């Protein structure tokens, strides 16, 4: 049973390989930017309902929108620093029930990566 931290680290390694592969194909800067935002979006809800989730998501949004030169793996690794060790060490199948996750009522600002439930 892998932990959330192990899953994230494996995904960070995948992001490195994928960005290198796409660069080797001669992709444009715009293509790299689109790839980066898609790669970063995948683990956005990995810590949903857990301590550190809000800080993780805020840091990911900030690093994704405010920086051009960072790789997806750097964004994810930097965001993971805001997640407590207890949360990183939780197994992926140890989750918070859906009814215990706060629902955004539409008044909070959200980004394209954040899902709102009405």
Foldseek 3Di string as FASTA:
>chain_A
DAFLLVVLVVLLVVQVVVLVVCVVVVDDLVVQLVSLVVSLLVCLCQQFPHPQSVQLNVQLVCCSPVDSPDGSSRSNVVSCVSHDPVRRGHHSVPDDDPVSGDADPPPDDDDPSDDHDD
